[in-house]
Amino acid sequence: ACLSVKGVLGVHQLRTRMSGPTRFIQLHLELDDNLRLIEAHYIADKVEDNLLALFPEADVLIHQDPLSVVFGPEKEQKAQDW
């Protein structure tokens, strides 16, 4: 549902829980540093649509992270390789 979306390079801090009848899904997407904000937004929307297709009543919260933030400065070359 997440990694199949074009532009998603990874996912971390995936959390799910139930509160009463509601399923909550929270995650961080790992995206290319050079994406425009609108592109990151559309990618997150597609991931949310995919998750809601699987869990129609879920409350989905998605955070977009640039890949260099995920790997840190020592991994800068790794981010550039994406």
PDB file of N, CA and C in Angstrom:
ATOM      1  N   ALA A   1       0.828  -1.200   0.000  1.00  0.00           N
ATOM      2  CA  ALA A   1       0.000   0.000   0.000  1.00  0.00           C
ATOM      3  C   ALA A   1       0.865   1.254   0.000  1.00  0.00           C
ATOM      4  N   CYS A   2       2.030   1.192   0.627  1.00  0.00           N
ATOM      5  CA  CYS A   2       2.912   2.375   0.717  1.00  0.00           C
ATOM      6  C   CYS A   2       4.041   2.303  -0.301  1.00  0.00           C
ATOM      7  N   LEU A   3       4.807   1.230  -0.257  1.00  0.00           N
ATOM      8  CA  LEU A   3       5.998   1.131  -1.094  1.00  0.00           C
ATOM      9  C   LEU A   3       5.678   0.958  -2.570  1.00  0.00           C
ATOM     10  N   SER A   4       4.439   0.622  -2.899  1.00  0.00           N
ATOM     11  CA  SER A   4       4.061   0.480  -4.305  1.00  0.00           C
ATOM     12  C   SER A   4       3.798   1.827  -4.974  1.00  0.00           C
ATOM     13  N   VAL A   5       3.738   2.892  -4.197  1.00  0.00           N
ATOM     14  CA  VAL A   5       3.472   4.221  -4.752  1.00  0.00           C
ATOM     15  C   VAL A   5       4.772   4.809  -5.290  1.00  0.00           C
ATOM     16  N   LYS A   6       4.736   5.237  -6.548  1.00  0.00           N
ATOM     17  CA  LYS A   6       5.916   5.834  -7.179  1.00  0.00           C
ATOM     18  C   LYS A   6       6.372   7.047  -6.371  1.00  0.00           C
ATOM     19  N   GLY A   7       7.658   7.084  -6.068  1.00  0.00           N
ATOM     20  CA  GLY A   7       8.217   8.193  -5.306  1.00  0.00           C
ATOM     21  C   GLY A   7       8.476   7.859  -3.852  1.00  0.00           C
ATOM     22  N   VAL A   8       7.842   6.810  -3.342  1.00  0.00           N
ATOM     23  CA  VAL A   8       8.081   6.407  -1.951  1.00  0.00           C
ATOM     24  C   VAL A   8       9.349   5.562  -1.916  1.00  0.00           C
ATOM     25  N   LEU A   9      10.362   6.051  -1.210  1.00  0.00           N
ATOM     26  CA  LEU A   9      11.644   5.355  -1.127  1.00  0.00           C
ATOM     27  C   LEU A   9      11.744   4.479   0.112  1.00  0.00           C
ATOM     28  N   GLY A  10      10.873   4.713   1.074  1.00  0.00           N
ATOM     29  CA  GLY A  10      10.870   3.928   2.295  1.00  0.00           C
ATOM     30  C   GLY A  10       9.799   4.429   3.244  1.00  0.00           C
ATOM     31  N   VAL A  11       9.604   3.669   4.299  1.00  0.00           N
ATOM     32  CA  VAL A  11       8.614   4.000   5.330  1.00  0.00           C
ATOM     33  C   VAL A  11       9.255   3.694   6.679  1.00  0.00           C
ATOM     34  N   HIS A  12       9.017   4.548   7.650  1.00  0.00           N
ATOM     35  CA  HIS A  12       9.476   4.253   9.004  1.00  0.00           C
ATOM     36  C   HIS A  12       8.472   4.819  10.005  1.00  0.00           C
ATOM     37  N   GLN A  13       8.681   4.487  11.256  1.00  0.00           N
ATOM     38  CA  GLN A  13       7.802   4.883  12.356  1.00  0.00           C
ATOM     39  C   GLN A  13       6.327   4.580  12.052  1.00  0.00           C
ATOM     40  N   LEU A  14       6.090   3.385  11.520  1.00  0.00           N
ATOM     41  CA  LEU A  14       4.722   2.937  11.270  1.00  0.00           C
ATOM     42  C   LEU A  14       4.097   2.548  12.599  1.00  0.00           C
ATOM     43  N   ARG A  15       2.966   3.150  12.889  1.00  0.00           N
ATOM     44  CA  ARG A  15       2.243   2.851  14.131  1.00  0.00           C
ATOM     45  C   ARG A  15       0.776   2.628  13.794  1.00  0.00           C
ATOM     46  N   THR A  16       0.222   1.577  14.358  1.00  0.00           N
ATOM     47  CA  THR A  16      -1.213   1.340  14.220  1.00  0.00           C
ATOM     48  C   THR A  16      -1.782   1.052  15.597  1.00  0.00           C
ATOM     49  N   ARG A  17      -3.017   1.436  15.774  1.00  0.00           N
ATOM     50  CA  ARG A  17      -3.684   1.148  17.045  1.00  0.00           C
ATOM     51  C   ARG A  17      -5.187   1.245  16.834  1.00  0.00           C
ATOM     52  N   MET A  18      -5.899   0.645  17.737  1.00  0.00           N
ATOM     53  CA  MET A  18      -7.354   0.746  17.757  1.00  0.00           C
ATOM     54  C   MET A  18      -7.746   1.559  18.977  1.00  0.00           C
ATOM     55  N   SER A  19      -8.717   2.410  18.802  1.00  0.00           N
ATOM     56  CA  SER A  19      -9.321   3.134  19.917  1.00  0.00           C
ATOM     57  C   SER A  19     -10.819   3.043  19.698  1.00  0.00           C
ATOM     58  N   GLY A  20     -11.456   2.198  20.491  1.00  0.00           N
ATOM     59  CA  GLY A  20     -12.861   1.915  20.238  1.00  0.00           C
ATOM     60  C   GLY A  20     -12.970   1.263  18.868  1.00  0.00           C
ATOM     61  N   PRO A  21     -13.898   1.725  18.039  1.00  0.00           N
ATOM     62  CA  PRO A  21     -14.066   1.122  16.718  1.00  0.00           C
ATOM     63  C   PRO A  21     -13.127   1.708  15.655  1.00  0.00           C
ATOM     64  N   THR A  22     -12.313   2.685  16.023  1.00  0.00           N
ATOM     65  CA  THR A  22     -11.492   3.390  15.034  1.00  0.00           C
ATOM     66  C   THR A  22     -10.070   2.854  15.007  1.00  0.00           C
ATOM     67  N   ARG A  23      -9.602   2.561  13.790  1.00  0.00           N
ATOM     68  CA  ARG A  23      -8.211   2.155  13.574  1.00  0.00           C
ATOM     69  C   ARG A  23      -7.421   3.408  13.193  1.00  0.00           C
ATOM     70  N   PHE A  24      -6.300   3.628  13.871  1.00  0.00           N
ATOM     71  CA  PHE A  24      -5.417   4.752  13.568  1.00  0.00           C
ATOM     72  C   PHE A  24      -4.147   4.209  12.921  1.00  0.00           C
ATOM     73  N   ILE A  25      -3.741   4.831  11.824  1.00  0.00           N
ATOM     74  CA  ILE A  25      -2.521   4.448  11.117  1.00  0.00           C
ATOM     75  C   ILE A  25      -1.670   5.704  10.970  1.00  0.00           C
ATOM     76  N   GLN A  26      -0.455   5.651  11.498  1.00  0.00           N
ATOM     77  CA  GLN A  26       0.477   6.776  11.393  1.00  0.00           C
ATOM     78  C   GLN A  26       1.786   6.256  10.811  1.00  0.00           C
ATOM     79  N   LEU A  27       2.403   7.035   9.939  1.00  0.00           N
ATOM     80  CA  LEU A  27       3.668   6.624   9.349  1.00  0.00           C
ATOM     81  C   LEU A  27       4.419   7.819   8.789  1.00  0.00           C
ATOM     82  N   HIS A  28       5.708   7.614   8.582  1.00  0.00           N
ATOM     83  CA  HIS A  28       6.565   8.602   7.939  1.00  0.00           C
ATOM     84  C   HIS A  28       6.995   8.037   6.589  1.00  0.00           C
ATOM     85  N   LEU A  29       6.820   8.815   5.537  1.00  0.00           N
ATOM     86  CA  LEU A  29       7.302   8.442   4.216  1.00  0.00           C
ATOM     87  C   LEU A  29       8.701   9.002   4.018  1.00  0.00           C
ATOM     88  N   GLU A  30       9.554   8.236   3.375  1.00  0.00           N
ATOM     89  CA  GLU A  30      10.887   8.691   3.004  1.00  0.00           C
ATOM     90  C   GLU A  30      10.840   9.058   1.525  1.00  0.00           C
ATOM     91  N   LEU A  31      11.102  10.345   1.240  1.00  0.00           N
ATOM     92  CA  LEU A  31      10.968  10.870  -0.114  1.00  0.00           C
ATOM     93  C   LEU A  31      12.251  11.565  -0.553  1.00  0.00           C
ATOM     94  N   ASP A  32      12.416  11.694  -1.864  1.00  0.00           N
ATOM     95  CA  ASP A  32      13.572  12.387  -2.435  1.00  0.00           C
ATOM     96  C   ASP A  32      13.626  13.827  -1.936  1.00  0.00           C
ATOM     97  N   ASP A  33      14.806  14.268  -1.558  1.00  0.00           N
ATOM     98  CA  ASP A  33      15.002  15.636  -1.059  1.00  0.00           C
ATOM     99  C   ASP A  33      14.575  16.699  -2.068  1.00  0.00           C
ATOM    100  N   ASN A  34      14.656  16.383  -3.340  1.00  0.00           N
ATOM    101  CA  ASN A  34      14.428  17.382  -4.381  1.00  0.00           C
ATOM    102  C   ASN A  34      12.985  17.473  -4.858  1.00  0.00           C
ATOM    103  N   LEU A  35      12.094  16.714  -4.250  1.00  0.00           N
ATOM    104  CA  LEU A  35      10.683  16.813  -4.626  1.00  0.00           C
ATOM    105  C   LEU A  35      10.137  18.179  -4.241  1.00  0.00           C
ATOM    106  N   ARG A  36       9.260  18.696  -5.088  1.00  0.00           N
ATOM    107  CA  ARG A  36       8.538  19.909  -4.717  1.00  0.00           C
ATOM    108  C   ARG A  36       7.491  19.525  -3.668  1.00  0.00           C
ATOM    109  N   LEU A  37       7.088  20.482  -2.873  1.00  0.00           N
ATOM    110  CA  LEU A  37       6.111  20.233  -1.818  1.00  0.00           C
ATOM    111  C   LEU A  37       4.832  19.637  -2.382  1.00  0.00           C
ATOM    112  N   ILE A  38       4.370  20.139  -3.504  1.00  0.00           N
ATOM    113  CA  ILE A  38       3.127  19.638  -4.096  1.00  0.00           C
ATOM    114  C   ILE A  38       3.282  18.176  -4.523  1.00  0.00           C
ATOM    115  N   GLU A  39       4.469  17.800  -5.000  1.00  0.00           N
ATOM    116  CA  GLU A  39       4.708  16.409  -5.381  1.00  0.00           C
ATOM    117  C   GLU A  39       4.671  15.501  -4.152  1.00  0.00           C
ATOM    118  N   ALA A  40       5.299  15.932  -3.071  1.00  0.00           N
ATOM    119  CA  ALA A  40       5.274  15.156  -1.827  1.00  0.00           C
ATOM    120  C   ALA A  40       3.841  15.007  -1.326  1.00  0.00           C
ATOM    121  N   HIS A  41       3.068  16.066  -1.463  1.00  0.00           N
ATOM    122  CA  HIS A  41       1.666  16.038  -1.043  1.00  0.00           C
ATOM    123  C   HIS A  41       0.880  14.999  -1.848  1.00  0.00           C
ATOM    124  N   TYR A  42       1.043  15.004  -3.168  1.00  0.00           N
ATOM    125  CA  TYR A  42       0.313  14.052  -4.011  1.00  0.00           C
ATOM    126  C   TYR A  42       0.730  12.608  -3.727  1.00  0.00           C
ATOM    127  N   ILE A  43       2.006  12.395  -3.458  1.00  0.00           N
ATOM    128  CA  ILE A  43       2.470  11.048  -3.111  1.00  0.00           C
ATOM    129  C   ILE A  43       1.813  10.589  -1.810  1.00  0.00           C
ATOM    130  N   ALA A  44       1.791  11.459  -0.810  1.00  0.00           N
ATOM    131  CA  ALA A  44       1.156  11.113   0.470  1.00  0.00           C
ATOM    132  C   ALA A  44      -0.337  10.863   0.288  1.00  0.00           C
ATOM    133  N   ASP A  45      -0.987  11.645  -0.563  1.00  0.00           N
ATOM    134  CA  ASP A  45      -2.413  11.420  -0.836  1.00  0.00           C
ATOM    135  C   ASP A  45      -2.646  10.043  -1.442  1.00  0.00           C
ATOM    136  N   LYS A  46      -1.783   9.621  -2.363  1.00  0.00           N
ATOM    137  CA  LYS A  46      -1.926   8.310  -2.993  1.00  0.00           C
ATOM    138  C   LYS A  46      -1.727   7.194  -1.965  1.00  0.00           C
ATOM    139  N   VAL A  47      -0.741   7.354  -1.088  1.00  0.00           N
ATOM    140  CA  VAL A  47      -0.529   6.364  -0.027  1.00  0.00           C
ATOM    141  C   VAL A  47      -1.761   6.299   0.873  1.00  0.00           C
ATOM    142  N   GLU A  48      -2.290   7.460   1.236  1.00  0.00           N
ATOM    143  CA  GLU A  48      -3.493   7.487   2.072  1.00  0.00           C
ATOM    144  C   GLU A  48      -4.658   6.795   1.373  1.00  0.00           C
ATOM    145  N   ASP A  49      -4.853   7.065   0.083  1.00  0.00           N
ATOM    146  CA  ASP A  49      -5.923   6.403  -0.677  1.00  0.00           C
ATOM    147  C   ASP A  49      -5.753   4.887  -0.645  1.00  0.00           C
ATOM    148  N   ASN A  50      -4.523   4.413  -0.823  1.00  0.00           N
ATOM    149  CA  ASN A  50      -4.262   2.969  -0.794  1.00  0.00           C
ATOM    150  C   ASN A  50      -4.597   2.369   0.569  1.00  0.00           C
ATOM    151  N   LEU A  51      -4.201   3.053   1.630  1.00  0.00           N
ATOM    152  CA  LEU A  51      -4.490   2.553   2.975  1.00  0.00           C
ATOM    153  C   LEU A  51      -5.991   2.560   3.258  1.00  0.00           C
ATOM    154  N   LEU A  52      -6.673   3.608   2.825  1.00  0.00           N
ATOM    155  CA  LEU A  52      -8.122   3.671   3.049  1.00  0.00           C
ATOM    156  C   LEU A  52      -8.876   2.630   2.228  1.00  0.00           C
ATOM    157  N   ALA A  53      -8.320   2.218   1.099  1.00  0.00           N
ATOM    158  CA  ALA A  53      -8.934   1.135   0.326  1.00  0.00           C
ATOM    159  C   ALA A  53      -8.871  -0.175   1.105  1.00  0.00           C
ATOM    160  N   LEU A  54      -7.807  -0.356   1.880  1.00  0.00           N
ATOM    161  CA  LEU A  54      -7.656  -1.563   2.701  1.00  0.00           C
ATOM    162  C   LEU A  54      -8.386  -1.460   4.033  1.00  0.00           C
ATOM    163  N   PHE A  55      -8.410  -0.254   4.598  1.00  0.00           N
ATOM    164  CA  PHE A  55      -9.016  -0.001   5.912  1.00  0.00           C
ATOM    165  C   PHE A  55      -9.923   1.232   5.795  1.00  0.00           C
ATOM    166  N   PRO A  56     -11.133   1.056   5.242  1.00  0.00           N
ATOM    167  CA  PRO A  56     -11.995   2.198   4.894  1.00  0.00           C
ATOM    168  C   PRO A  56     -12.334   3.145   6.042  1.00  0.00           C
ATOM    169  N   GLU A  57     -12.391   2.664   7.241  1.00  0.00           N
ATOM    170  CA  GLU A  57     -12.789   3.519   8.366  1.00  0.00           C
ATOM    171  C   GLU A  57     -11.594   4.069   9.142  1.00  0.00           C
ATOM    172  N   ALA A  58     -10.390   3.869   8.624  1.00  0.00           N
ATOM    173  CA  ALA A  58      -9.184   4.266   9.359  1.00  0.00           C
ATOM    174  C   ALA A  58      -8.999   5.777   9.377  1.00  0.00           C
ATOM    175  N   ASP A  59      -8.315   6.213  10.403  1.00  0.00           N
ATOM    176  CA  ASP A  59      -7.849   7.594  10.507  1.00  0.00           C
ATOM    177  C   ASP A  59      -6.351   7.536  10.193  1.00  0.00           C
ATOM    178  N   VAL A  60      -5.954   8.127   9.057  1.00  0.00           N
ATOM    179  CA  VAL A  60      -4.584   7.998   8.555  1.00  0.00           C
ATOM    180  C   VAL A  60      -3.847   9.324   8.705  1.00  0.00           C
ATOM    181  N   LEU A  61      -2.648   9.263   9.279  1.00  0.00           N
ATOM    182  CA  LEU A  61      -1.796  10.444   9.425  1.00  0.00           C
ATOM    183  C   LEU A  61      -0.433  10.116   8.823  1.00  0.00           C
ATOM    184  N   ILE A  62      -0.033  10.914   7.818  1.00  0.00           N
ATOM    185  CA  ILE A  62       1.218  10.661   7.106  1.00  0.00           C
ATOM    186  C   ILE A  62       2.118  11.885   7.211  1.00  0.00           C
ATOM    187  N   HIS A  63       3.376  11.629   7.552  1.00  0.00           N
ATOM    188  CA  HIS A  63       4.398  12.681   7.616  1.00  0.00           C
ATOM    189  C   HIS A  63       5.406  12.400   6.509  1.00  0.00           C
ATOM    190  N   GLN A  64       5.815  13.428   5.780  1.00  0.00           N
ATOM    191  CA  GLN A  64       6.787  13.255   4.703  1.00  0.00           C
ATOM    192  C   GLN A  64       8.168  13.697   5.182  1.00  0.00           C
ATOM    193  N   ASP A  65       9.152  12.795   5.059  1.00  0.00           N
ATOM    194  CA  ASP A  65      10.531  13.102   5.436  1.00  0.00           C
ATOM    195  C   ASP A  65      11.426  13.087   4.206  1.00  0.00           C
ATOM    196  N   PRO A  66      12.283  14.112   4.037  1.00  0.00           N
ATOM    197  CA  PRO A  66      13.318  14.028   3.008  1.00  0.00           C
ATOM    198  C   PRO A  66      14.290  12.911   3.388  1.00  0.00           C
ATOM    199  N   LEU A  67      14.759  12.185   2.410  1.00  0.00           N
ATOM    200  CA  LEU A  67      15.619  11.039   2.677  1.00  0.00           C
ATOM    201  C   LEU A  67      16.875  11.425   3.450  1.00  0.00           C
ATOM    202  N   SER A  68      17.425  12.610   3.198  1.00  0.00           N
ATOM    203  CA  SER A  68      18.642  13.017   3.905  1.00  0.00           C
ATOM    204  C   SER A  68      18.396  13.202   5.398  1.00  0.00           C
ATOM    205  N   VAL A  69      17.189  13.545   5.780  1.00  0.00           N
ATOM    206  CA  VAL A  69      16.856  13.680   7.201  1.00  0.00           C
ATOM    207  C   VAL A  69      16.822  12.306   7.861  1.00  0.00           C
ATOM    208  N   VAL A  70      16.331  11.326   7.130  1.00  0.00           N
ATOM    209  CA  VAL A  70      16.233   9.969   7.661  1.00  0.00           C
ATOM    210  C   VAL A  70      17.620   9.380   7.885  1.00  0.00           C
ATOM    211  N   PHE A  71      18.508   9.559   6.916  1.00  0.00           N
ATOM    212  CA  PHE A  71      19.836   8.954   6.995  1.00  0.00           C
ATOM    213  C   PHE A  71      20.842   9.828   7.723  1.00  0.00           C
ATOM    214  N   GLY A  72      20.591  11.112   7.839  1.00  0.00           N
ATOM    215  CA  GLY A  72      21.507  12.019   8.521  1.00  0.00           C
ATOM    216  C   GLY A  72      22.665  12.431   7.628  1.00  0.00           C
ATOM    217  N   PRO A  73      23.453  13.381   8.083  1.00  0.00           N
ATOM    218  CA  PRO A  73      24.542  13.930   7.273  1.00  0.00           C
ATOM    219  C   PRO A  73      25.572  12.893   6.833  1.00  0.00           C
ATOM    220  N   GLU A  74      25.824  11.900   7.663  1.00  0.00           N
ATOM    221  CA  GLU A  74      26.825  10.895   7.308  1.00  0.00           C
ATOM    222  C   GLU A  74      26.359   9.999   6.167  1.00  0.00           C
ATOM    223  N   LYS A  75      25.084  10.067   5.845  1.00  0.00           N
ATOM    224  CA  LYS A  75      24.533   9.247   4.765  1.00  0.00           C
ATOM    225  C   LYS A  75      24.138  10.102   3.567  1.00  0.00           C
ATOM    226  N   GLU A  76      24.690  11.295   3.461  1.00  0.00           N
ATOM    227  CA  GLU A  76      24.290  12.220   2.399  1.00  0.00           C
ATOM    228  C   GLU A  76      24.457  11.602   1.015  1.00  0.00           C
ATOM    229  N   GLN A  77      25.528  10.864   0.789  1.00  0.00           N
ATOM    230  CA  GLN A  77      25.749  10.259  -0.519  1.00  0.00           C
ATOM    231  C   GLN A  77      24.649   9.258  -0.834  1.00  0.00           C
ATOM    232  N   LYS A  78      24.206   8.512   0.167  1.00  0.00           N
ATOM    233  CA  LYS A  78      23.119   7.545  -0.026  1.00  0.00           C
ATOM    234  C   LYS A  78      21.873   8.261  -0.521  1.00  0.00           C
ATOM    235  N   ALA A  79      21.549   9.395   0.061  1.00  0.00           N
ATOM    236  CA  ALA A  79      20.379  10.161  -0.351  1.00  0.00           C
ATOM    237  C   ALA A  79      20.535  10.640  -1.785  1.00  0.00           C
ATOM    238  N   GLN A  80      21.732  11.038  -2.176  1.00  0.00           N
ATOM    239  CA  GLN A  80      21.956  11.521  -3.537  1.00  0.00           C
ATOM    240  C   GLN A  80      21.842  10.388  -4.541  1.00  0.00           C
ATOM    241  N   ASP A  81      22.135   9.164  -4.127  1.00  0.00           N
ATOM    242  CA  ASP A  81      22.062   8.019  -5.028  1.00  0.00           C
ATOM    243  C   ASP A  81      20.631   7.647  -5.391  1.00  0.00           C
ATOM    244  N   TRP A  82      19.669   8.043  -4.579  1.00  0.00           N
ATOM    245  CA  TRP A  82      18.278   7.718  -4.869  1.00  0.00           C
ATOM    246  C   TRP A  82      17.855   8.478  -6.084  1.00  0.00           C
TER     247      TRP A  82
END
